[in-house]
């Protein structure tokens, strides 16, 4: 019986499993960190322009500028109130299906 050889194989296996466990933890931590970074980047991505305007007379907040999001809409579209349609939508008549033989 080769007891020293078997013992050596067992130690090598245990060391390899320890290395795999360590590598798996690093991969998991890295993927979680990258997910957080990408989530933050996409949450802060803006489709419109950000305009900074100065605020005066606001002593409670202490902000010198506030960002306003426009998202590509002009002020002319916002000032027009919604109006109802001139005519109510009409139902489309159903077309009869061909009878199967």
N, C-alpha and C. Protein backbone atom coordinates (compact mmCIF):
# COMPACT_ATOMS: atom_id res chain seq x y z
N UNK A 1 0.84 -1.17 0.00
CA UNK A 1 0.00 0.00 0.00
C UNK A 1 0.88 1.23 0.00
N UNK A 2 0.45 2.20 -0.80
CA UNK A 2 1.20 3.44 -0.93
C UNK A 2 0.56 4.53 -0.08
N UNK A 3 0.74 4.48 1.19
CA UNK A 3 0.15 5.45 2.10
C UNK A 3 0.75 6.84 1.93
N UNK A 4 2.10 6.99 1.80
CA UNK A 4 2.64 8.35 1.61
C UNK A 4 2.16 8.97 0.31
N UNK A 5 2.01 8.20 -0.75
CA UNK A 5 1.54 8.74 -2.03
C UNK A 5 0.10 9.19 -1.93
N UNK A 6 -0.72 8.39 -1.27
CA UNK A 6 -2.13 8.74 -1.11
C UNK A 6 -2.27 9.99 -0.23
N UNK A 7 -1.46 10.10 0.80
CA UNK A 7 -1.48 11.27 1.67
C UNK A 7 -1.09 12.52 0.88
N UNK A 8 -0.09 12.39 0.03
CA UNK A 8 0.36 13.50 -0.80
C UNK A 8 -0.74 13.95 -1.77
N UNK A 9 -1.46 13.01 -2.37
CA UNK A 9 -2.57 13.33 -3.27
C UNK A 9 -3.69 14.04 -2.53
N UNK A 10 -3.96 13.61 -1.32
CA UNK A 10 -5.00 14.24 -0.52
C UNK A 10 -4.63 15.68 -0.18
N UNK A 11 -3.39 15.90 0.18
CA UNK A 11 -2.94 17.27 0.48
C UNK A 11 -3.03 18.16 -0.76
N UNK A 12 -2.61 17.62 -1.90
CA UNK A 12 -2.69 18.41 -3.13
C UNK A 12 -4.13 18.76 -3.48
N UNK A 13 -5.04 17.81 -3.28
CA UNK A 13 -6.46 18.06 -3.53
C UNK A 13 -6.99 19.13 -2.58
N UNK A 14 -6.65 19.05 -1.30
CA UNK A 14 -7.12 20.03 -0.33
C UNK A 14 -6.59 21.44 -0.64
N UNK A 15 -5.34 21.51 -1.06
CA UNK A 15 -4.76 22.81 -1.43
C UNK A 15 -5.46 23.36 -2.66
N UNK A 16 -5.72 22.52 -3.64
CA UNK A 16 -6.42 22.97 -4.86
C UNK A 16 -7.83 23.44 -4.53
N UNK A 17 -8.53 22.74 -3.66
CA UNK A 17 -9.88 23.15 -3.27
C UNK A 17 -9.85 24.48 -2.52
N UNK A 18 -8.84 24.69 -1.69
CA UNK A 18 -8.68 25.95 -0.98
C UNK A 18 -8.46 27.10 -1.96
N UNK A 19 -7.64 26.85 -2.98
CA UNK A 19 -7.39 27.86 -4.01
C UNK A 19 -8.67 28.17 -4.79
N UNK A 20 -9.44 27.16 -5.11
CA UNK A 20 -10.69 27.38 -5.83
C UNK A 20 -11.69 28.16 -4.98
N UNK A 21 -11.76 27.85 -3.69
CA UNK A 21 -12.66 28.57 -2.80
C UNK A 21 -12.28 30.05 -2.74
N UNK A 22 -10.97 30.30 -2.63
CA UNK A 22 -10.47 31.68 -2.58
C UNK A 22 -10.78 32.40 -3.90
N UNK A 23 -10.55 31.75 -5.02
CA UNK A 23 -10.82 32.36 -6.33
C UNK A 23 -12.31 32.64 -6.51
N UNK A 24 -13.15 31.72 -6.06
CA UNK A 24 -14.59 31.92 -6.17
C UNK A 24 -15.05 33.11 -5.35
N UNK A 25 -14.48 33.30 -4.17
CA UNK A 25 -14.85 34.45 -3.34
C UNK A 25 -14.46 35.76 -4.02
N UNK A 26 -13.25 35.77 -4.63
CA UNK A 26 -12.81 36.98 -5.32
C UNK A 26 -13.70 37.28 -6.53
N UNK A 27 -14.07 36.25 -7.26
CA UNK A 27 -14.94 36.44 -8.42
C UNK A 27 -16.31 36.97 -7.98
N UNK A 28 -16.85 36.42 -6.91
CA UNK A 28 -18.14 36.87 -6.40
C UNK A 28 -18.07 38.32 -5.93
N UNK A 29 -17.04 38.66 -5.19
CA UNK A 29 -16.90 40.03 -4.70
C UNK A 29 -16.70 41.02 -5.85
N UNK A 30 -15.90 40.63 -6.84
CA UNK A 30 -15.67 41.51 -7.98
C UNK A 30 -16.94 41.71 -8.79
N UNK A 31 -17.69 40.64 -9.01
CA UNK A 31 -18.93 40.78 -9.79
C UNK A 31 -19.95 41.62 -9.04
N UNK A 32 -20.01 41.50 -7.72
CA UNK A 32 -20.93 42.34 -6.95
C UNK A 32 -20.51 43.81 -7.02
N UNK A 33 -19.22 44.06 -6.93
CA UNK A 33 -18.74 45.44 -7.01
C UNK A 33 -18.99 46.03 -8.39
N UNK A 34 -18.74 45.27 -9.44
CA UNK A 34 -18.98 45.76 -10.79
C UNK A 34 -20.47 46.00 -11.04
N UNK A 35 -21.30 45.14 -10.50
CA UNK A 35 -22.74 45.34 -10.63
C UNK A 35 -23.16 46.65 -9.96
N UNK A 36 -22.61 46.91 -8.79
CA UNK A 36 -22.93 48.16 -8.10
C UNK A 36 -22.46 49.37 -8.88
N UNK A 37 -21.26 49.30 -9.44
CA UNK A 37 -20.73 50.42 -10.21
C UNK A 37 -21.56 50.66 -11.46
N UNK A 38 -21.89 49.60 -12.18
CA UNK A 38 -22.69 49.75 -13.40
C UNK A 38 -24.10 50.24 -13.09
N UNK A 39 -24.66 49.80 -11.97
CA UNK A 39 -25.97 50.28 -11.56
C UNK A 39 -25.93 51.76 -11.26
N UNK A 40 -24.90 52.20 -10.56
CA UNK A 40 -24.77 53.62 -10.24
C UNK A 40 -24.58 54.45 -11.52
N UNK A 41 -23.80 53.93 -12.45
CA UNK A 41 -23.58 54.66 -13.69
C UNK A 41 -24.86 54.80 -14.50
N UNK A 42 -25.62 53.73 -14.61
CA UNK A 42 -26.85 53.80 -15.38
C UNK A 42 -27.91 54.62 -14.67
N UNK A 43 -27.92 54.62 -13.35
CA UNK A 43 -28.89 55.43 -12.62
C UNK A 43 -28.60 56.91 -12.78
N UNK A 44 -27.34 57.26 -12.93
CA UNK A 44 -26.97 58.66 -13.06
C UNK A 44 -26.89 59.12 -14.51
N UNK A 45 -27.10 58.20 -15.44
CA UNK A 45 -27.07 58.58 -16.85
C UNK A 45 -28.29 59.44 -17.14
N UNK A 46 -28.08 60.48 -17.90
CA UNK A 46 -29.16 61.41 -18.18
C UNK A 46 -29.42 61.43 -19.68
N UNK A 47 -30.69 61.39 -20.06
CA UNK A 47 -31.03 61.45 -21.48
C UNK A 47 -31.14 62.89 -21.96
N UNK A 48 -31.32 63.81 -21.05
CA UNK A 48 -31.44 65.22 -21.42
C UNK A 48 -30.26 66.01 -20.90
N UNK A 49 -30.38 67.31 -21.03
CA UNK A 49 -29.30 68.18 -20.56
C UNK A 49 -29.61 68.62 -19.13
N UNK A 50 -28.57 68.88 -18.39
CA UNK A 50 -28.72 69.39 -17.03
C UNK A 50 -28.30 70.86 -17.06
N UNK A 51 -29.21 71.74 -16.64
CA UNK A 51 -28.92 73.16 -16.60
C UNK A 51 -28.72 73.56 -15.15
N UNK A 52 -27.68 74.30 -14.88
CA UNK A 52 -27.45 74.80 -13.54
C UNK A 52 -27.91 76.25 -13.49
N UNK A 53 -28.78 76.55 -12.53
CA UNK A 53 -29.24 77.92 -12.35
C UNK A 53 -28.94 78.33 -10.93
N UNK A 54 -28.57 79.57 -10.74
CA UNK A 54 -28.25 80.03 -9.39
C UNK A 54 -29.53 80.36 -8.66
N UNK A 55 -29.52 80.14 -7.38
CA UNK A 55 -30.66 80.45 -6.53
C UNK A 55 -30.27 81.62 -5.63
N UNK A 56 -31.16 82.53 -5.50
CA UNK A 56 -30.90 83.67 -4.62
C UNK A 56 -31.97 83.70 -3.54
N UNK A 57 -31.59 84.13 -2.37
CA UNK A 57 -32.54 84.26 -1.27
C UNK A 57 -32.91 82.94 -0.62
N UNK A 58 -32.17 81.91 -0.80
CA UNK A 58 -32.47 80.62 -0.18
C UNK A 58 -31.43 80.36 0.90
N UNK A 59 -31.69 80.84 2.08
CA UNK A 59 -30.72 80.71 3.17
C UNK A 59 -30.86 79.37 3.89
N UNK A 60 -31.97 78.67 3.69
CA UNK A 60 -32.17 77.43 4.44
C UNK A 60 -31.38 76.28 3.87
N UNK A 61 -31.26 76.19 2.55
CA UNK A 61 -30.54 75.07 1.95
C UNK A 61 -29.06 75.34 1.83
N UNK A 62 -28.70 76.54 1.48
CA UNK A 62 -27.30 76.87 1.33
C UNK A 62 -26.74 76.44 -0.01
N UNK A 63 -27.59 76.02 -0.94
CA UNK A 63 -27.11 75.62 -2.26
C UNK A 63 -26.89 76.85 -3.12
N UNK A 64 -25.81 76.84 -3.87
CA UNK A 64 -25.58 77.95 -4.79
C UNK A 64 -26.16 77.64 -6.15
N UNK A 65 -26.40 76.38 -6.44
CA UNK A 65 -26.95 76.01 -7.75
C UNK A 65 -27.78 74.75 -7.60
N UNK A 66 -28.80 74.66 -8.45
CA UNK A 66 -29.67 73.49 -8.46
C UNK A 66 -29.77 73.00 -9.89
N UNK A 67 -29.72 71.70 -10.10
CA UNK A 67 -29.80 71.13 -11.44
C UNK A 67 -31.25 70.93 -11.83
N UNK A 68 -31.57 71.28 -13.07
CA UNK A 68 -32.91 71.06 -13.61
C UNK A 68 -32.78 70.15 -14.83
N UNK A 69 -33.57 69.09 -14.86
CA UNK A 69 -33.54 68.16 -15.98
C UNK A 69 -34.60 68.58 -17.00
N UNK A 70 -34.20 68.61 -18.26
CA UNK A 70 -35.16 68.96 -19.30
C UNK A 70 -35.61 67.75 -20.10
N UNK A 71 -34.78 66.73 -20.23
CA UNK A 71 -35.09 65.49 -20.94
C UNK A 71 -35.58 65.75 -22.36
N UNK A 72 -35.03 66.75 -23.01
CA UNK A 72 -35.31 66.98 -24.42
C UNK A 72 -36.62 67.66 -24.72
N UNK A 73 -37.40 68.06 -23.72
CA UNK A 73 -38.67 68.74 -23.96
C UNK A 73 -38.45 70.24 -23.87
N UNK A 74 -39.10 70.97 -24.74
CA UNK A 74 -38.98 72.42 -24.69
C UNK A 74 -40.05 72.97 -23.76
N UNK A 75 -39.84 74.21 -23.32
CA UNK A 75 -40.80 74.84 -22.42
C UNK A 75 -42.13 75.12 -23.11
N UNK A 76 -42.15 75.24 -24.45
CA UNK A 76 -43.39 75.51 -25.18
C UNK A 76 -44.36 74.34 -25.04
N UNK A 77 -43.85 73.12 -25.00
CA UNK A 77 -44.72 71.96 -24.86
C UNK A 77 -45.32 71.88 -23.46
N UNK A 78 -44.59 72.34 -22.48
CA UNK A 78 -45.09 72.26 -21.09
C UNK A 78 -46.16 73.30 -20.82
N UNK A 79 -46.12 74.45 -21.48
CA UNK A 79 -47.06 75.52 -21.17
C UNK A 79 -48.44 75.27 -21.78
N UNK A 80 -48.56 74.37 -22.75
CA UNK A 80 -49.84 74.09 -23.39
C UNK A 80 -50.59 73.04 -22.58
N UNK A 81 -51.82 73.36 -22.12
CA UNK A 81 -52.57 72.36 -21.36
C UNK A 81 -53.09 71.26 -22.28
N UNK A 82 -53.37 70.14 -21.71
CA UNK A 82 -53.93 69.03 -22.48
C UNK A 82 -55.37 69.36 -22.86
N UNK A 83 -55.76 68.99 -24.05
CA UNK A 83 -57.13 69.22 -24.49
C UNK A 83 -57.71 67.88 -24.96
N UNK A 84 -59.02 67.72 -24.80
CA UNK A 84 -59.63 66.46 -25.23
C UNK A 84 -59.64 66.37 -26.75
N UNK A 85 -59.73 65.15 -27.29
CA UNK A 85 -59.79 65.00 -28.75
C UNK A 85 -61.09 65.57 -29.29
N UNK A 86 -61.08 65.98 -30.56
CA UNK A 86 -62.27 66.55 -31.18
C UNK A 86 -63.34 65.50 -31.40
N UNK A 87 -62.93 64.27 -31.60
CA UNK A 87 -63.89 63.19 -31.84
C UNK A 87 -63.43 61.96 -31.05
N UNK A 88 -64.40 61.26 -30.48
CA UNK A 88 -64.08 60.05 -29.72
C UNK A 88 -63.58 58.97 -30.66
N UNK A 89 -62.71 58.09 -30.21
CA UNK A 89 -62.23 57.01 -31.07
C UNK A 89 -63.37 56.06 -31.44
N UNK A 90 -63.33 55.53 -32.64
CA UNK A 90 -64.36 54.62 -33.13
C UNK A 90 -63.82 53.19 -33.11
N UNK A 91 -64.71 52.26 -32.84
CA UNK A 91 -64.33 50.85 -32.84
C UNK A 91 -64.17 50.36 -34.27
N UNK A 92 -63.21 49.48 -34.48
CA UNK A 92 -62.99 48.90 -35.80
C UNK A 92 -63.83 47.64 -35.88
N UNK A 93 -64.65 47.52 -36.95
CA UNK A 93 -65.48 46.31 -37.05
C UNK A 93 -64.59 45.08 -37.26
N UNK A 94 -65.01 44.01 -36.64
CA UNK A 94 -64.27 42.76 -36.74
C UNK A 94 -64.49 42.15 -38.12
N UNK A 95 -63.43 41.64 -38.71
CA UNK A 95 -63.55 40.98 -40.02
C UNK A 95 -63.86 39.51 -39.78
N UNK A 96 -64.84 38.99 -40.51
CA UNK A 96 -65.17 37.56 -40.30
C UNK A 96 -64.04 36.68 -40.82
N UNK A 97 -63.72 35.68 -40.08
CA UNK A 97 -62.69 34.74 -40.50
C UNK A 97 -63.27 33.74 -41.49
N UNK A 98 -62.42 33.21 -42.35
CA UNK A 98 -62.92 32.27 -43.35
C UNK A 98 -63.28 30.96 -42.67
N UNK A 99 -64.43 30.39 -43.04
CA UNK A 99 -64.82 29.12 -42.40
C UNK A 99 -63.92 27.99 -42.82
N UNK A 100 -63.60 27.17 -41.87
CA UNK A 100 -62.75 26.01 -42.18
C UNK A 100 -63.61 24.86 -42.68
N UNK A 101 -63.10 24.16 -43.64
CA UNK A 101 -63.85 23.04 -44.22
C UNK A 101 -63.40 21.74 -43.67
